[in-house]
Amino acid sequence: MTMIHELGEVVAERELEAINIDGERTPVVVKLGKPHPDPLGTGEDWCCPHQILGLGDESVMAAFGVDSLQAFLLGVRHLKMELGERAATGAVALSWLGERHLGRLNIYPEPE
């Protein structure tokens, strides 16, 4: 069963560029929605909707946590992982502010 999420109020957004092998640049936008209690949960878990525009599937995804902060941080982490996978699949490099990095999308530590 596929869950359909709504982005709702956007609380964070970043504009990136996808650069193909020929140097062609395409805008990519990542958005994080405001975390909210999981509508299908027991009322204790939280959901953070997020979306990538301009790099493949544009459906709204969601990350879940025990509180709003964990859901938000897991949303950021999921965006970072999803951007990496999509860039590899599309054979593009991603840049932010003219640099080939994504800024601080790594605020949630990687597992060891």
C-alpha atoms as a PDB file:
ATOM      1  CA  MET A   1       0.000   0.000   0.000  1.00  0.00           C
ATOM      2  CA  THR A   2       1.398   3.373  -1.042  1.00  0.00           C
ATOM      3  CA  MET A   3       0.971   6.215   1.416  1.00  0.00           C
ATOM      4  CA  ILE A   4       0.108   9.611  -0.016  1.00  0.00           C
ATOM      5  CA  HIS A   5       1.460  12.470   2.050  1.00  0.00           C
ATOM      6  CA  GLU A   6       0.752  16.178   1.771  1.00  0.00           C
ATOM      7  CA  LEU A   7       3.649  18.604   2.087  1.00  0.00           C
ATOM      8  CA  GLY A   8       1.625  21.210   3.957  1.00  0.00           C
ATOM      9  CA  GLU A   9       3.401  24.274   5.314  1.00  0.00           C
ATOM     10  CA  VAL A  10       7.020  24.412   4.106  1.00  0.00           C
ATOM     11  CA  VAL A  11       9.420  25.222   6.950  1.00  0.00           C
ATOM     12  CA  ALA A  12      12.719  24.728   5.092  1.00  0.00           C
ATOM     13  CA  GLU A  13      13.744  24.829   1.457  1.00  0.00           C
ATOM     14  CA  ARG A  14      17.021  24.651  -0.473  1.00  0.00           C
ATOM     15  CA  GLU A  15      17.736  25.281  -4.153  1.00  0.00           C
ATOM     16  CA  LEU A  16      20.395  23.089  -5.757  1.00  0.00           C
ATOM     17  CA  GLU A  17      21.564  22.489  -9.319  1.00  0.00           C
ATOM     18  CA  ALA A  18      21.930  19.191 -11.138  1.00  0.00           C
ATOM     19  CA  ILE A  19      24.825  19.350 -13.617  1.00  0.00           C
ATOM     20  CA  ASN A  20      25.026  16.751 -16.373  1.00  0.00           C
ATOM     21  CA  ILE A  21      28.168  15.600 -18.173  1.00  0.00           C
ATOM     22  CA  ASP A  22      27.718  18.319 -20.808  1.00  0.00           C
ATOM     23  CA  GLY A  23      27.589  21.019 -18.129  1.00  0.00           C
ATOM     24  CA  GLU A  24      23.865  21.630 -18.538  1.00  0.00           C
ATOM     25  CA  ARG A  25      22.351  22.885 -15.292  1.00  0.00           C
ATOM     26  CA  THR A  26      18.869  22.035 -14.049  1.00  0.00           C
ATOM     27  CA  PRO A  27      17.305  23.494 -10.888  1.00  0.00           C
ATOM     28  CA  VAL A  28      16.508  21.067  -8.067  1.00  0.00           C
ATOM     29  CA  VAL A  29      14.523  22.151  -5.016  1.00  0.00           C
ATOM     30  CA  VAL A  30      14.240  20.252  -1.733  1.00  0.00           C
ATOM     31  CA  LYS A  31      11.454  21.100   0.692  1.00  0.00           C
ATOM     32  CA  LEU A  32      10.683  20.049   4.242  1.00  0.00           C
ATOM     33  CA  GLY A  33       7.171  20.398   5.548  1.00  0.00           C
ATOM     34  CA  LYS A  34       6.246  21.241   9.117  1.00  0.00           C
ATOM     35  CA  PRO A  35       6.363  18.107  11.306  1.00  0.00           C
ATOM     36  CA  HIS A  36       2.998  17.022  12.656  1.00  0.00           C
ATOM     37  CA  PRO A  37       1.568  14.102  14.615  1.00  0.00           C
ATOM     38  CA  ASP A  38       1.328  10.973  12.441  1.00  0.00           C
ATOM     39  CA  PRO A  39      -2.321  10.919  11.296  1.00  0.00           C
ATOM     40  CA  LEU A  40      -2.316   7.118  11.082  1.00  0.00           C
ATOM     41  CA  GLY A  41      -0.459   6.550  14.340  1.00  0.00           C
ATOM     42  CA  THR A  42      -1.498   6.262  17.943  1.00  0.00           C
ATOM     43  CA  GLY A  43      -0.870   9.954  18.572  1.00  0.00           C
ATOM     44  CA  GLU A  44       2.643   9.495  19.920  1.00  0.00           C
ATOM     45  CA  ASP A  45       4.657   9.435  16.661  1.00  0.00           C
ATOM     46  CA  TRP A  46       5.431  12.370  14.407  1.00  0.00           C
ATOM     47  CA  CYS A  47       5.699  12.742  10.640  1.00  0.00           C
ATOM     48  CA  CYS A  48       7.845  15.148   8.585  1.00  0.00           C
ATOM     49  CA  PRO A  49       6.826  15.411   4.929  1.00  0.00           C
ATOM     50  CA  HIS A  50       9.521  16.288   2.385  1.00  0.00           C
ATOM     51  CA  GLN A  51       9.883  16.565  -1.365  1.00  0.00           C
ATOM     52  CA  ILE A  52      12.458  16.810  -4.154  1.00  0.00           C
ATOM     53  CA  LEU A  53      11.502  18.777  -7.262  1.00  0.00           C
ATOM     54  CA  GLY A  54      13.437  18.611 -10.537  1.00  0.00           C
ATOM     55  CA  LEU A  55      15.244  15.294 -10.095  1.00  0.00           C
ATOM     56  CA  GLY A  56      12.924  12.378 -10.804  1.00  0.00           C
ATOM     57  CA  ASP A  57       9.841  11.437  -8.812  1.00  0.00           C
ATOM     58  CA  GLU A  58       8.259  14.540  -7.265  1.00  0.00           C
ATOM     59  CA  SER A  59       5.869  12.799  -4.892  1.00  0.00           C
ATOM     60  CA  VAL A  60       5.866  13.834  -1.250  1.00  0.00           C
ATOM     61  CA  MET A  61       7.739  11.443   1.049  1.00  0.00           C
ATOM     62  CA  ALA A  62       7.715  11.314   4.852  1.00  0.00           C
ATOM     63  CA  ALA A  63      10.012  10.479   7.734  1.00  0.00           C
ATOM     64  CA  PHE A  64       8.707   9.425  11.126  1.00  0.00           C
ATOM     65  CA  GLY A  65      10.053   9.931  14.637  1.00  0.00           C
ATOM     66  CA  VAL A  66       9.077   9.817  18.275  1.00  0.00           C
ATOM     67  CA  ASP A  67       8.884  13.631  18.357  1.00  0.00           C
ATOM     68  CA  SER A  68       8.897  16.517  15.893  1.00  0.00           C
ATOM     69  CA  LEU A  69      12.668  17.044  16.052  1.00  0.00           C
ATOM     70  CA  GLN A  70      13.525  13.421  15.314  1.00  0.00           C
ATOM     71  CA  ALA A  71      11.034  13.350  12.428  1.00  0.00           C
ATOM     72  CA  PHE A  72      12.565  16.569  11.024  1.00  0.00           C
ATOM     73  CA  LEU A  73      16.148  15.313  11.339  1.00  0.00           C
ATOM     74  CA  LEU A  74      15.248  11.980   9.752  1.00  0.00           C
ATOM     75  CA  GLY A  75      13.548  13.907   6.943  1.00  0.00           C
ATOM     76  CA  VAL A  76      16.793  15.825   6.305  1.00  0.00           C
ATOM     77  CA  ARG A  77      18.754  12.573   6.358  1.00  0.00           C
ATOM     78  CA  HIS A  78      16.338  10.908   3.954  1.00  0.00           C
ATOM     79  CA  LEU A  79      16.599  13.864   1.563  1.00  0.00           C
ATOM     80  CA  LYS A  80      20.396  13.587   1.577  1.00  0.00           C
ATOM     81  CA  MET A  81      20.286   9.860   0.831  1.00  0.00           C
ATOM     82  CA  GLU A  82      17.596  10.242  -1.828  1.00  0.00           C
ATOM     83  CA  LEU A  83      19.488  13.075  -3.550  1.00  0.00           C
ATOM     84  CA  GLY A  84      22.615  10.919  -3.718  1.00  0.00           C
ATOM     85  CA  GLU A  85      20.732   7.988  -5.223  1.00  0.00           C
ATOM     86  CA  ARG A  86      18.918  10.144  -7.755  1.00  0.00           C
ATOM     87  CA  ALA A  87      22.091  11.966  -8.788  1.00  0.00           C
ATOM     88  CA  ALA A  88      23.840   8.637  -9.382  1.00  0.00           C
ATOM     89  CA  THR A  89      20.881   7.252 -11.331  1.00  0.00           C
ATOM     90  CA  GLY A  90      20.642  10.412 -13.444  1.00  0.00           C
ATOM     91  CA  ALA A  91      24.426  10.658 -13.922  1.00  0.00           C
ATOM     92  CA  VAL A  92      24.486  14.231 -12.622  1.00  0.00           C
ATOM     93  CA  ALA A  93      26.496  16.100 -10.025  1.00  0.00           C
ATOM     94  CA  LEU A  94      24.680  18.268  -7.501  1.00  0.00           C
ATOM     95  CA  SER A  95      25.864  21.705  -6.470  1.00  0.00           C
ATOM     96  CA  TRP A  96      24.765  24.341  -4.002  1.00  0.00           C
ATOM     97  CA  LEU A  97      25.918  27.970  -4.225  1.00  0.00           C
ATOM     98  CA  GLY A  98      28.273  26.974  -7.045  1.00  0.00           C
ATOM     99  CA  GLU A  99      30.085  24.351  -4.972  1.00  0.00           C
ATOM    100  CA  ARG A 100      29.869  20.583  -5.400  1.00  0.00           C
ATOM    101  CA  HIS A 101      28.442  19.870  -1.990  1.00  0.00           C
ATOM    102  CA  LEU A 102      24.990  20.098  -0.513  1.00  0.00           C
ATOM    103  CA  GLY A 103      25.774  22.275   2.469  1.00  0.00           C
ATOM    104  CA  ARG A 104      24.878  20.932   5.896  1.00  0.00           C
ATOM    105  CA  LEU A 105      22.466  18.230   4.810  1.00  0.00           C
ATOM    106  CA  ASN A 106      24.526  15.899   6.994  1.00  0.00           C
ATOM    107  CA  ILE A 107      23.351  17.210  10.363  1.00  0.00           C
ATOM    108  CA  TYR A 108      22.126  13.778  11.369  1.00  0.00           C
ATOM    109  CA  PRO A 109      25.151  11.500  11.938  1.00  0.00           C
ATOM    110  CA  GLU A 110      25.653   8.501   9.693  1.00  0.00           C
ATOM    111  CA  PRO A 111      25.509   5.099  11.416  1.00  0.00           C
ATOM    112  CA  GLU A 112      28.855   3.470  12.108  1.00  0.00           C
END
